[in-house]
Structures are given as C-alpha cells and as structure tokens.
Amino acid sequence: MKLRSQGAIKALLAIVRCGHPDVLSQVARGIANFAKCESRASSQGKKSDKSFLIEDGALPWIVQNANNEAAAIKRHMELALCHLAQHENLNITELNAKDMIRGGALRELVRISRDCTREDIRNLAHLKDSTNTKNIKTNKSKIN
C-alpha cells in the first residue's frame, strides 16, 4: 500500500477540515476505494494485518459520515464500512472488530443492512452483518 506509506489517508483526513461538500464527497470516494482495495488484498492473501484506514484514524470519520445528508458521501461511507467488515481472513476481521465496535461501526452496519435505500449496499451489509457480526459480537463480549 504505497499510498498509505506516503501519508495519503492522513492527508485525506486533513483535507476534510475545509468542509466543502464537493471535497468531502471526493474524500469519501477515496476512502471507500481504499477500503475496497484493502478488502480485495485481504481476500487474495496479500494483506494480513489491521486495516490501514483504522490504524490511521479514518474510522471515526467514516462512522460519522455513514449517515450523512449528502447521498454521495453517505453511499461511499456505507460501502467503506461494508468493505472494512468484509475482510476474508478471520484474524483480520478480529483485528478490525475491536476498533469497529468501539467506534460504532457495528451499529452502522446493522442500520445499513436494514435502512439503506440502495439494495446492493443493503445486501452487502446484510451479508457481512450475518457472517462477520457473529465474530464481531464475540469480540464485543470479550471487550466488555
């Protein structure tokens, strides 16, 4: 992940301070694409550690904007959450799970699986909710 080593995630998080809706939408798109790439790398066995998005502090912004008024931002953040929960490797899911629980992502995934207006995203959240939520809930009981 060359972009991460060059500070791309932290740069995106710094850019959001401007507050301009078009900029926020593009940052959301970049984060969603990054989450998708991480998920793909995980399923191909190329990534075996915690999400860089979580490590670099993007999760609070993702969760905060998963229910944004702007449809594009909301859609991208919903997809990012689904991809963060999608890691195929159980160990990675467990690594991400603690942070996702503490950060409110589990609650958002459940909301997305019930309330998202886009069926494709709702189905992705539901699929991940039913498979990885069991693992995340197990980790939640360990955390508490």
Protein backbone atom coordinates (compact mmCIF):
# COMPACT_ATOMS: atom_id res chain seq x y z
CA MET A 1 0.00 0.00 0.00
CA LYS A 2 2.25 2.69 -1.32
CA LEU A 3 -0.37 5.42 -0.84
CA ARG A 4 -0.54 4.72 2.86
CA SER A 5 3.22 4.89 3.30
CA GLN A 6 3.15 8.29 1.61
CA GLY A 7 0.56 9.60 4.07
CA ALA A 8 -2.47 9.54 1.76
CA ILE A 9 -5.01 8.57 4.43
CA LYS A 10 -3.85 11.23 6.86
CA ALA A 11 -3.82 13.78 4.01
CA LEU A 12 -7.42 12.92 3.12
CA LEU A 13 -8.45 13.33 6.76
CA ALA A 14 -6.72 16.72 6.88
CA ILE A 15 -8.49 17.87 3.72
CA VAL A 16 -11.95 17.28 5.22
CA ARG A 17 -11.43 20.23 7.54
CA CYS A 18 -12.27 22.56 4.66
CA GLY A 19 -15.89 21.37 4.91
CA HIS A 20 -16.77 21.92 1.24
CA PRO A 21 -19.38 19.33 0.17
CA ASP A 22 -17.66 18.52 -3.15
CA VAL A 23 -14.34 17.97 -1.38
CA LEU A 24 -15.98 15.83 1.29
CA SER A 25 -17.61 13.72 -1.41
CA GLN A 26 -14.28 13.12 -3.16
CA VAL A 27 -12.56 12.27 0.13
CA ALA A 28 -15.37 9.82 0.91
CA ARG A 29 -14.92 8.26 -2.52
CA GLY A 30 -11.17 7.91 -1.96
CA ILE A 31 -11.67 6.28 1.42
CA ALA A 32 -14.26 3.86 0.01
CA ASN A 33 -11.89 2.91 -2.81
CA PHE A 34 -9.07 2.41 -0.32
CA ALA A 35 -11.30 0.16 1.81
CA LYS A 36 -12.24 -1.83 -1.29
CA CYS A 37 -8.58 -2.29 -2.24
CA GLU A 38 -7.72 -3.44 1.28
CA SER A 39 -10.58 -5.91 1.25
CA ARG A 40 -9.52 -7.26 -2.13
CA ALA A 41 -5.89 -7.58 -0.97
CA SER A 42 -7.09 -9.47 2.10
CA SER A 43 -9.17 -11.92 0.07
CA GLN A 44 -6.18 -12.52 -2.21
CA GLY A 45 -3.90 -13.19 0.75
CA LYS A 46 -1.78 -10.09 0.12
CA LYS A 47 -2.77 -8.30 3.34
CA SER A 48 -2.80 -9.93 6.75
CA ASP A 49 -2.86 -7.12 9.26
CA LYS A 50 -5.25 -4.49 10.60
CA SER A 51 -6.85 -2.04 8.19
CA PHE A 52 -4.67 0.97 7.42
CA LEU A 53 -7.82 3.10 7.50
CA ILE A 54 -8.36 2.10 11.10
CA GLU A 55 -4.68 2.47 12.01
CA ASP A 56 -4.51 5.96 10.50
CA GLY A 57 -7.63 7.18 12.29
CA ALA A 58 -10.22 7.23 9.49
CA LEU A 59 -12.83 5.07 11.24
CA PRO A 60 -14.42 7.88 13.31
CA TRP A 61 -14.88 9.98 10.16
CA ILE A 62 -16.28 7.00 8.26
CA VAL A 63 -18.80 6.20 11.01
CA GLN A 64 -19.72 9.86 11.48
CA ASN A 65 -20.47 10.24 7.76
CA ALA A 66 -22.15 6.88 7.15
CA ASN A 67 -25.46 8.66 7.65
CA ASN A 68 -24.52 11.98 6.05
CA GLU A 69 -27.24 14.12 4.44
CA ALA A 70 -25.30 14.19 1.16
CA ALA A 71 -26.21 11.00 -0.70
CA ALA A 72 -22.78 10.54 -2.33
CA ILE A 73 -20.90 10.85 0.96
CA LYS A 74 -23.34 8.52 2.71
CA ARG A 75 -23.11 5.92 -0.08
CA HIS A 76 -19.29 5.94 -0.09
CA MET A 77 -19.05 5.65 3.70
CA GLU A 78 -21.60 2.84 3.80
CA LEU A 79 -19.53 0.98 1.23
CA ALA A 80 -16.32 1.66 3.17
CA LEU A 81 -17.84 0.17 6.33
CA CYS A 82 -19.02 -2.89 4.43
CA HIS A 83 -15.54 -3.39 2.98
CA LEU A 84 -13.89 -2.95 6.38
CA ALA A 85 -16.14 -5.71 7.73
CA GLN A 86 -15.59 -7.85 4.64
CA HIS A 87 -12.00 -8.99 5.16
CA GLU A 88 -11.92 -12.69 4.37
CA ASN A 89 -9.17 -13.53 6.83
CA LEU A 90 -10.76 -14.20 10.24
CA ASN A 91 -7.70 -12.83 12.06
CA ILE A 92 -8.01 -9.52 10.20
CA THR A 93 -11.72 -9.37 10.95
CA GLU A 94 -10.89 -9.86 14.62
CA LEU A 95 -8.18 -7.19 14.47
CA ASN A 96 -10.60 -4.70 12.90
CA ALA A 97 -13.55 -5.80 15.06
CA LYS A 98 -12.42 -4.29 18.34
CA ASP A 99 -11.92 -0.88 16.77
CA MET A 100 -15.13 -1.15 14.77
CA ILE A 101 -17.14 -1.98 17.90
CA ARG A 102 -15.58 0.81 19.93
CA GLY A 103 -16.06 3.21 17.03
CA GLY A 104 -19.76 2.49 16.49
CA ALA A 105 -19.32 0.75 13.13
CA LEU A 106 -21.29 -2.35 14.11
CA ARG A 107 -24.35 -0.23 14.85
CA GLU A 108 -23.96 1.47 11.46
CA LEU A 109 -23.60 -1.86 9.64
CA VAL A 110 -26.83 -3.08 11.20
CA ARG A 111 -28.53 0.21 10.23
CA ILE A 112 -27.20 -0.08 6.67
CA SER A 113 -28.43 -3.68 6.37
CA ARG A 114 -31.94 -2.53 7.40
CA ASP A 115 -32.32 1.01 6.11
CA CYS A 116 -30.05 1.67 3.13
CA THR A 117 -32.04 2.77 0.10
CA ARG A 118 -29.62 1.07 -2.27
CA GLU A 119 -30.34 -2.62 -2.42
CA ASP A 120 -26.78 -3.59 -3.46
CA ILE A 121 -25.26 -1.87 -0.41
CA ARG A 122 -28.01 -3.15 1.89
CA ASN A 123 -27.37 -6.70 0.69
CA LEU A 124 -23.60 -6.32 1.12
CA ALA A 125 -24.10 -5.02 4.67
CA HIS A 126 -26.58 -7.81 5.39
CA LEU A 127 -24.20 -10.45 4.07
CA LYS A 128 -21.37 -9.07 6.14
CA ASP A 129 -23.68 -8.49 9.08
CA SER A 130 -24.72 -12.13 9.11
CA THR A 131 -21.21 -13.59 8.66
CA ASN A 132 -18.83 -11.23 10.43
CA THR A 133 -21.21 -9.81 13.00
CA LYS A 134 -21.05 -13.12 14.83
CA ASN A 135 -17.27 -12.72 15.06
CA ILE A 136 -17.56 -9.05 15.98
CA LYS A 137 -20.19 -9.75 18.65
CA THR A 138 -17.96 -12.49 20.08
CA ASN A 139 -15.15 -9.94 20.28
CA LYS A 140 -17.54 -7.39 21.82
CA SER A 141 -18.26 -9.76 24.68
CA LYS A 142 -14.51 -10.21 25.18
CA ILE A 143 -14.01 -6.43 25.24
CA ASN A 144 -16.78 -5.88 27.79
